[in-house]
Amino acid sequence: MEQSRHPSSKRYAPEIRERAVRLVLETIERDGERHGVVGRIARQLDIGAETLRTWVRQAEIDAGTRPGLTTEE
C-alpha cells in the first residue's frame, strides 16, 4: 500500500527543506532557546510555519532526539 504524501512535501525542493531544518536546529543549539525560532526562520525563508515545524519534528525523530516513527519506518 502506497502512503499518500502531505501536499507541502511536494511544494518545496528537498534542498530548501534541508536548509530550513538545519537553520532551525543550529539556531536552537546556538541560542539554547526554542521559542519563536521556527516562526522566525519560516518567515525569513517564506515557508509556512507549521510546515517547517513538521519538518523539524521529523528531523528530530530521525536523529533519535524525539520519540516517534522515523521516516524509514
PDB file of N, CA and C in Angstrom:
ATOM      1  N   MET A   1       0.839  -1.182   0.000  1.00  0.00           N
ATOM      2  CA  MET A   1       0.000   0.000   0.000  1.00  0.00           C
ATOM      3  C   MET A   1       0.886   1.249   0.000  1.00  0.00           C
ATOM      4  N   GLU A   2       0.653   2.139  -0.908  1.00  0.00           N
ATOM      5  CA  GLU A   2       1.450   3.358  -1.016  1.00  0.00           C
ATOM      6  C   GLU A   2       0.863   4.441  -0.117  1.00  0.00           C
ATOM      7  N   GLN A   3       1.726   5.099   0.650  1.00  0.00           N
ATOM      8  CA  GLN A   3       1.278   6.169   1.523  1.00  0.00           C
ATOM      9  C   GLN A   3       1.101   7.440   0.714  1.00  0.00           C
ATOM     10  N   SER A   4       0.053   8.180   1.037  1.00  0.00           N
ATOM     11  CA  SER A   4      -0.109   9.477   0.388  1.00  0.00           C
ATOM     12  C   SER A   4       0.827  10.464   1.053  1.00  0.00           C
ATOM     13  N   ARG A   5       1.346  11.381   0.286  1.00  0.00           N
ATOM     14  CA  ARG A   5       2.284  12.388   0.797  1.00  0.00           C
ATOM     15  C   ARG A   5       1.516  13.644   1.135  1.00  0.00           C
ATOM     16  N   HIS A   6       2.001  14.313   2.130  1.00  0.00           N
ATOM     17  CA  HIS A   6       1.410  15.591   2.513  1.00  0.00           C
ATOM     18  C   HIS A   6       1.674  16.595   1.391  1.00  0.00           C
ATOM     19  N   PRO A   7       0.701  17.431   1.048  1.00  0.00           N
ATOM     20  CA  PRO A   7       0.884  18.372  -0.070  1.00  0.00           C
ATOM     21  C   PRO A   7       2.122  19.250   0.053  1.00  0.00           C
ATOM     22  N   SER A   8       2.483  19.652   1.268  1.00  0.00           N
ATOM     23  CA  SER A   8       3.630  20.548   1.430  1.00  0.00           C
ATOM     24  C   SER A   8       4.941  19.871   1.068  1.00  0.00           C
ATOM     25  N   SER A   9       4.971  18.539   1.092  1.00  0.00           N
ATOM     26  CA  SER A   9       6.219  17.851   0.762  1.00  0.00           C
ATOM     27  C   SER A   9       6.557  17.993  -0.718  1.00  0.00           C
ATOM     28  N   LYS A  10       5.589  18.342  -1.530  1.00  0.00           N
ATOM     29  CA  LYS A  10       5.819  18.495  -2.968  1.00  0.00           C
ATOM     30  C   LYS A  10       6.085  19.953  -3.353  1.00  0.00           C
ATOM     31  N   ARG A  11       5.732  20.867  -2.481  1.00  0.00           N
ATOM     32  CA  ARG A  11       5.813  22.279  -2.806  1.00  0.00           C
ATOM     33  C   ARG A  11       7.219  22.849  -2.697  1.00  0.00           C
ATOM     34  N   TYR A  12       8.044  22.259  -1.873  1.00  0.00           N
ATOM     35  CA  TYR A  12       9.384  22.786  -1.621  1.00  0.00           C
ATOM     36  C   TYR A  12      10.442  21.786  -2.065  1.00  0.00           C
ATOM     37  N   ALA A  13      11.508  22.289  -2.639  1.00  0.00           N
ATOM     38  CA  ALA A  13      12.620  21.432  -3.053  1.00  0.00           C
ATOM     39  C   ALA A  13      13.284  20.826  -1.808  1.00  0.00           C
ATOM     40  N   PRO A  14      13.814  19.616  -1.935  1.00  0.00           N
ATOM     41  CA  PRO A  14      14.487  18.982  -0.789  1.00  0.00           C
ATOM     42  C   PRO A  14      15.610  19.839  -0.209  1.00  0.00           C
ATOM     43  N   GLU A  15      16.300  20.596  -1.061  1.00  0.00           N
ATOM     44  CA  GLU A  15      17.394  21.445  -0.584  1.00  0.00           C
ATOM     45  C   GLU A  15      16.873  22.546   0.345  1.00  0.00           C
ATOM     46  N   ILE A  16      15.702  23.085   0.014  1.00  0.00           N
ATOM     47  CA  ILE A  16      15.092  24.125   0.849  1.00  0.00           C
ATOM     48  C   ILE A  16      14.706  23.525   2.191  1.00  0.00           C
ATOM     49  N   ARG A  17      14.107  22.357   2.152  1.00  0.00           N
ATOM     50  CA  ARG A  17      13.693  21.680   3.385  1.00  0.00           C
ATOM     51  C   ARG A  17      14.905  21.420   4.285  1.00  0.00           C
ATOM     52  N   GLU A  18      15.967  20.873   3.702  1.00  0.00           N
ATOM     53  CA  GLU A  18      17.173  20.559   4.480  1.00  0.00           C
ATOM     54  C   GLU A  18      17.793  21.820   5.072  1.00  0.00           C
ATOM     55  N   ARG A  19      17.868  22.874   4.273  1.00  0.00           N
ATOM     56  CA  ARG A  19      18.453  24.134   4.747  1.00  0.00           C
ATOM     57  C   ARG A  19      17.630  24.725   5.886  1.00  0.00           C
ATOM     58  N   ALA A  20      16.315  24.730   5.729  1.00  0.00           N
ATOM     59  CA  ALA A  20      15.437  25.304   6.742  1.00  0.00           C
ATOM     60  C   ALA A  20      15.549  24.538   8.061  1.00  0.00           C
ATOM     61  N   VAL A  21      15.519  23.220   7.987  1.00  0.00           N
ATOM     62  CA  VAL A  21      15.634  22.396   9.194  1.00  0.00           C
ATOM     63  C   VAL A  21      16.989  22.628   9.854  1.00  0.00           C
ATOM     64  N   ARG A  22      18.044  22.655   9.048  1.00  0.00           N
ATOM     65  CA  ARG A  22      19.390  22.872   9.590  1.00  0.00           C
ATOM     66  C   ARG A  22      19.478  24.226  10.303  1.00  0.00           C
ATOM     67  N   LEU A  23      18.901  25.274   9.687  1.00  0.00           N
ATOM     68  CA  LEU A  23      18.916  26.600  10.314  1.00  0.00           C
ATOM     69  C   LEU A  23      18.189  26.591  11.662  1.00  0.00           C
ATOM     70  N   VAL A  24      17.048  25.934  11.711  1.00  0.00           N
ATOM     71  CA  VAL A  24      16.292  25.874  12.962  1.00  0.00           C
ATOM     72  C   VAL A  24      17.105  25.151  14.032  1.00  0.00           C
ATOM     73  N   LEU A  25      17.621  23.965  13.703  1.00  0.00           N
ATOM     74  CA  LEU A  25      18.347  23.173  14.692  1.00  0.00           C
ATOM     75  C   LEU A  25      19.632  23.872  15.144  1.00  0.00           C
ATOM     76  N   GLU A  26      20.332  24.510  14.221  1.00  0.00           N
ATOM     77  CA  GLU A  26      21.558  25.236  14.585  1.00  0.00           C
ATOM     78  C   GLU A  26      21.236  26.435  15.473  1.00  0.00           C
ATOM     79  N   THR A  27      20.156  27.128  15.171  1.00  0.00           N
ATOM     80  CA  THR A  27      19.771  28.292  15.968  1.00  0.00           C
ATOM     81  C   THR A  27      19.371  27.873  17.374  1.00  0.00           C
ATOM     82  N   ILE A  28      18.613  26.791  17.487  1.00  0.00           N
ATOM     83  CA  ILE A  28      18.213  26.285  18.803  1.00  0.00           C
ATOM     84  C   ILE A  28      19.448  25.893  19.600  1.00  0.00           C
ATOM     85  N   GLU A  29      20.381  25.193  18.954  1.00  0.00           N
ATOM     86  CA  GLU A  29      21.597  24.767  19.643  1.00  0.00           C
ATOM     87  C   GLU A  29      22.440  25.971  20.076  1.00  0.00           C
ATOM     88  N   ARG A  30      22.575  26.940  19.199  1.00  0.00           N
ATOM     89  CA  ARG A  30      23.395  28.118  19.491  1.00  0.00           C
ATOM     90  C   ARG A  30      22.795  28.966  20.618  1.00  0.00           C
ATOM     91  N   ASP A  31      21.482  29.206  20.537  1.00  0.00           N
ATOM     92  CA  ASP A  31      20.834  30.105  21.487  1.00  0.00           C
ATOM     93  C   ASP A  31      20.335  29.402  22.744  1.00  0.00           C
ATOM     94  N   GLY A  32      20.165  28.083  22.664  1.00  0.00           N
ATOM     95  CA  GLY A  32      19.627  27.341  23.800  1.00  0.00           C
ATOM     96  C   GLY A  32      18.160  27.629  24.058  1.00  0.00           C
ATOM     97  N   GLU A  33      17.476  28.141  23.072  1.00  0.00           N
ATOM     98  CA  GLU A  33      16.072  28.540  23.202  1.00  0.00           C
ATOM     99  C   GLU A  33      15.310  28.100  21.958  1.00  0.00           C
ATOM    100  N   ARG A  34      14.149  27.486  22.172  1.00  0.00           N
ATOM    101  CA  ARG A  34      13.323  27.028  21.054  1.00  0.00           C
ATOM    102  C   ARG A  34      12.235  28.027  20.681  1.00  0.00           C
ATOM    103  N   HIS A  35      11.790  28.788  21.663  1.00  0.00           N
ATOM    104  CA  HIS A  35      10.626  29.654  21.485  1.00  0.00           C
ATOM    105  C   HIS A  35      10.826  30.665  20.354  1.00  0.00           C
ATOM    106  N   GLY A  36       9.944  30.607  19.359  1.00  0.00           N
ATOM    107  CA  GLY A  36       9.947  31.581  18.281  1.00  0.00           C
ATOM    108  C   GLY A  36      10.901  31.304  17.132  1.00  0.00           C
ATOM    109  N   VAL A  37      11.766  30.309  17.288  1.00  0.00           N
ATOM    110  CA  VAL A  37      12.788  30.048  16.260  1.00  0.00           C
ATOM    111  C   VAL A  37      12.144  29.603  14.953  1.00  0.00           C
ATOM    112  N   VAL A  38      11.241  28.646  15.017  1.00  0.00           N
ATOM    113  CA  VAL A  38      10.617  28.122  13.797  1.00  0.00           C
ATOM    114  C   VAL A  38       9.867  29.221  13.062  1.00  0.00           C
ATOM    115  N   GLY A  39       9.068  29.987  13.782  1.00  0.00           N
ATOM    116  CA  GLY A  39       8.306  31.058  13.147  1.00  0.00           C
ATOM    117  C   GLY A  39       9.195  32.091  12.487  1.00  0.00           C
ATOM    118  N   ARG A  40      10.262  32.466  13.168  1.00  0.00           N
ATOM    119  CA  ARG A  40      11.179  33.482  12.629  1.00  0.00           C
ATOM    120  C   ARG A  40      11.855  32.985  11.343  1.00  0.00           C
ATOM    121  N   ILE A  41      12.360  31.767  11.371  1.00  0.00           N
ATOM    122  CA  ILE A  41      13.045  31.224  10.189  1.00  0.00           C
ATOM    123  C   ILE A  41      12.049  30.955   9.069  1.00  0.00           C
ATOM    124  N   ALA A  42      10.857  30.513   9.413  1.00  0.00           N
ATOM    125  CA  ALA A  42       9.821  30.286   8.395  1.00  0.00           C
ATOM    126  C   ALA A  42       9.512  31.587   7.653  1.00  0.00           C
ATOM    127  N   ARG A  43       9.393  32.676   8.386  1.00  0.00           N
ATOM    128  CA  ARG A  43       9.135  33.987   7.751  1.00  0.00           C
ATOM    129  C   ARG A  43      10.301  34.405   6.866  1.00  0.00           C
ATOM    130  N   GLN A  44      11.526  34.212   7.361  1.00  0.00           N
ATOM    131  CA  GLN A  44      12.709  34.604   6.586  1.00  0.00           C
ATOM    132  C   GLN A  44      12.797  33.845   5.265  1.00  0.00           C
ATOM    133  N   LEU A  45      12.406  32.561   5.279  1.00  0.00           N
ATOM    134  CA  LEU A  45      12.528  31.726   4.087  1.00  0.00           C
ATOM    135  C   LEU A  45      11.222  31.613   3.305  1.00  0.00           C
ATOM    136  N   ASP A  46      10.187  32.300   3.774  1.00  0.00           N
ATOM    137  CA  ASP A  46       8.871  32.268   3.132  1.00  0.00           C
ATOM    138  C   ASP A  46       8.325  30.843   3.042  1.00  0.00           C
ATOM    139  N   ILE A  47       8.377  30.158   4.189  1.00  0.00           N
ATOM    140  CA  ILE A  47       7.847  28.802   4.326  1.00  0.00           C
ATOM    141  C   ILE A  47       6.776  28.856   5.400  1.00  0.00           C
ATOM    142  N   GLY A  48       5.718  28.075   5.244  1.00  0.00           N
ATOM    143  CA  GLY A  48       4.697  28.023   6.276  1.00  0.00           C
ATOM    144  C   GLY A  48       5.288  27.532   7.596  1.00  0.00           C
ATOM    145  N   ALA A  49       4.939  28.200   8.686  1.00  0.00           N
ATOM    146  CA  ALA A  49       5.498  27.849   9.993  1.00  0.00           C
ATOM    147  C   ALA A  49       5.136  26.425  10.394  1.00  0.00           C
ATOM    148  N   GLU A  50       3.906  26.012  10.149  1.00  0.00           N
ATOM    149  CA  GLU A  50       3.511  24.649  10.515  1.00  0.00           C
ATOM    150  C   GLU A  50       4.237  23.615   9.662  1.00  0.00           C
ATOM    151  N   THR A  51       4.472  23.937   8.408  1.00  0.00           N
ATOM    152  CA  THR A  51       5.232  23.038   7.542  1.00  0.00           C
ATOM    153  C   THR A  51       6.640  22.863   8.088  1.00  0.00           C
ATOM    154  N   LEU A  52       7.291  23.966   8.415  1.00  0.00           N
ATOM    155  CA  LEU A  52       8.651  23.898   8.945  1.00  0.00           C
ATOM    156  C   LEU A  52       8.667  23.186  10.290  1.00  0.00           C
ATOM    157  N   ARG A  53       7.681  23.447  11.137  1.00  0.00           N
ATOM    158  CA  ARG A  53       7.593  22.782  12.442  1.00  0.00           C
ATOM    159  C   ARG A  53       7.501  21.262  12.249  1.00  0.00           C
ATOM    160  N   THR A  54       6.722  20.830  11.277  1.00  0.00           N
ATOM    161  CA  THR A  54       6.579  19.400  10.984  1.00  0.00           C
ATOM    162  C   THR A  54       7.908  18.823  10.502  1.00  0.00           C
ATOM    163  N   TRP A  55       8.599  19.540   9.629  1.00  0.00           N
ATOM    164  CA  TRP A  55       9.901  19.078   9.134  1.00  0.00           C
ATOM    165  C   TRP A  55      10.901  18.923  10.273  1.00  0.00           C
ATOM    166  N   VAL A  56      10.938  19.913  11.165  1.00  0.00           N
ATOM    167  CA  VAL A  56      11.883  19.879  12.290  1.00  0.00           C
ATOM    168  C   VAL A  56      11.548  18.714  13.210  1.00  0.00           C
ATOM    169  N   ARG A  57      10.272  18.532  13.504  1.00  0.00           N
ATOM    170  CA  ARG A  57       9.845  17.424  14.365  1.00  0.00           C
ATOM    171  C   ARG A  57      10.305  16.092  13.773  1.00  0.00           C
ATOM    172  N   GLN A  58      10.103  15.906  12.465  1.00  0.00           N
ATOM    173  CA  GLN A  58      10.503  14.653  11.823  1.00  0.00           C
ATOM    174  C   GLN A  58      12.021  14.492  11.822  1.00  0.00           C
ATOM    175  N   ALA A  59      12.740  15.570  11.610  1.00  0.00           N
ATOM    176  CA  ALA A  59      14.211  15.506  11.639  1.00  0.00           C
ATOM    177  C   ALA A  59      14.696  15.095  13.026  1.00  0.00           C
ATOM    178  N   GLU A  60      14.050  15.605  14.067  1.00  0.00           N
ATOM    179  CA  GLU A  60      14.426  15.234  15.435  1.00  0.00           C
ATOM    180  C   GLU A  60      14.110  13.769  15.715  1.00  0.00           C
ATOM    181  N   ILE A  61      12.998  13.283  15.199  1.00  0.00           N
ATOM    182  CA  ILE A  61      12.663  11.863  15.338  1.00  0.00           C
ATOM    183  C   ILE A  61      13.698  11.017  14.616  1.00  0.00           C
ATOM    184  N   ASP A  62      14.029  11.400  13.387  1.00  0.00           N
ATOM    185  CA  ASP A  62      15.012  10.651  12.593  1.00  0.00           C
ATOM    186  C   ASP A  62      16.388  10.635  13.262  1.00  0.00           C
ATOM    187  N   ALA A  63      16.721  11.722  13.971  1.00  0.00           N
ATOM    188  CA  ALA A  63      18.020  11.819  14.653  1.00  0.00           C
ATOM    189  C   ALA A  63      18.015  11.094  15.996  1.00  0.00           C
ATOM    190  N   GLY A  64      16.832  10.659  16.440  1.00  0.00           N
ATOM    191  CA  GLY A  64      16.736   9.954  17.711  1.00  0.00           C
ATOM    192  C   GLY A  64      16.637  10.861  18.923  1.00  0.00           C
ATOM    193  N   THR A  65      16.398  12.141  18.714  1.00  0.00           N
ATOM    194  CA  THR A  65      16.307  13.068  19.846  1.00  0.00           C
ATOM    195  C   THR A  65      14.862  13.339  20.265  1.00  0.00           C
ATOM    196  N   ARG A  66      13.919  12.739  19.554  1.00  0.00           N
ATOM    197  CA  ARG A  66      12.494  12.872  19.871  1.00  0.00           C
ATOM    198  C   ARG A  66      11.846  11.526  19.570  1.00  0.00           C
ATOM    199  N   PRO A  67      10.943  11.066  20.427  1.00  0.00           N
ATOM    200  CA  PRO A  67      10.279   9.789  20.169  1.00  0.00           C
ATOM    201  C   PRO A  67       9.318   9.888  18.986  1.00  0.00           C
ATOM    202  N   GLY A  68       9.131   8.773  18.306  1.00  0.00           N
ATOM    203  CA  GLY A  68       8.192   8.717  17.198  1.00  0.00           C
ATOM    204  C   GLY A  68       8.708   7.804  16.095  1.00  0.00           C
ATOM    205  N   LEU A  69       7.909   7.677  15.042  1.00  0.00           N
ATOM    206  CA  LEU A  69       8.272   6.834  13.912  1.00  0.00           C
ATOM    207  C   LEU A  69       9.210   7.585  12.969  1.00  0.00           C
ATOM    208  N   THR A  70      10.316   6.962  12.645  1.00  0.00           N
ATOM    209  CA  THR A  70      11.263   7.580  11.736  1.00  0.00           C
ATOM    210  C   THR A  70      10.711   7.566  10.315  1.00  0.00           C
ATOM    211  N   THR A  71      11.334   8.331   9.456  1.00  0.00           N
ATOM    212  CA  THR A  71      10.930   8.379   8.058  1.00  0.00           C
ATOM    213  C   THR A  71      11.005   6.984   7.438  1.00  0.00           C
ATOM    214  N   GLU A  72      12.036   6.240   7.780  1.00  0.00           N
ATOM    215  CA  GLU A  72      12.214   4.883   7.248  1.00  0.00           C
ATOM    216  C   GLU A  72      11.090   3.948   7.673  1.00  0.00           C
ATOM    217  N   GLU A  73      10.626   4.125   8.921  1.00  0.00           N
ATOM    218  CA  GLU A  73       9.564   3.256   9.442  1.00  0.00           C
ATOM    219  C   GLU A  73       8.260   3.590   8.765  1.00  0.00           C
TER     220      GLU A  73
END
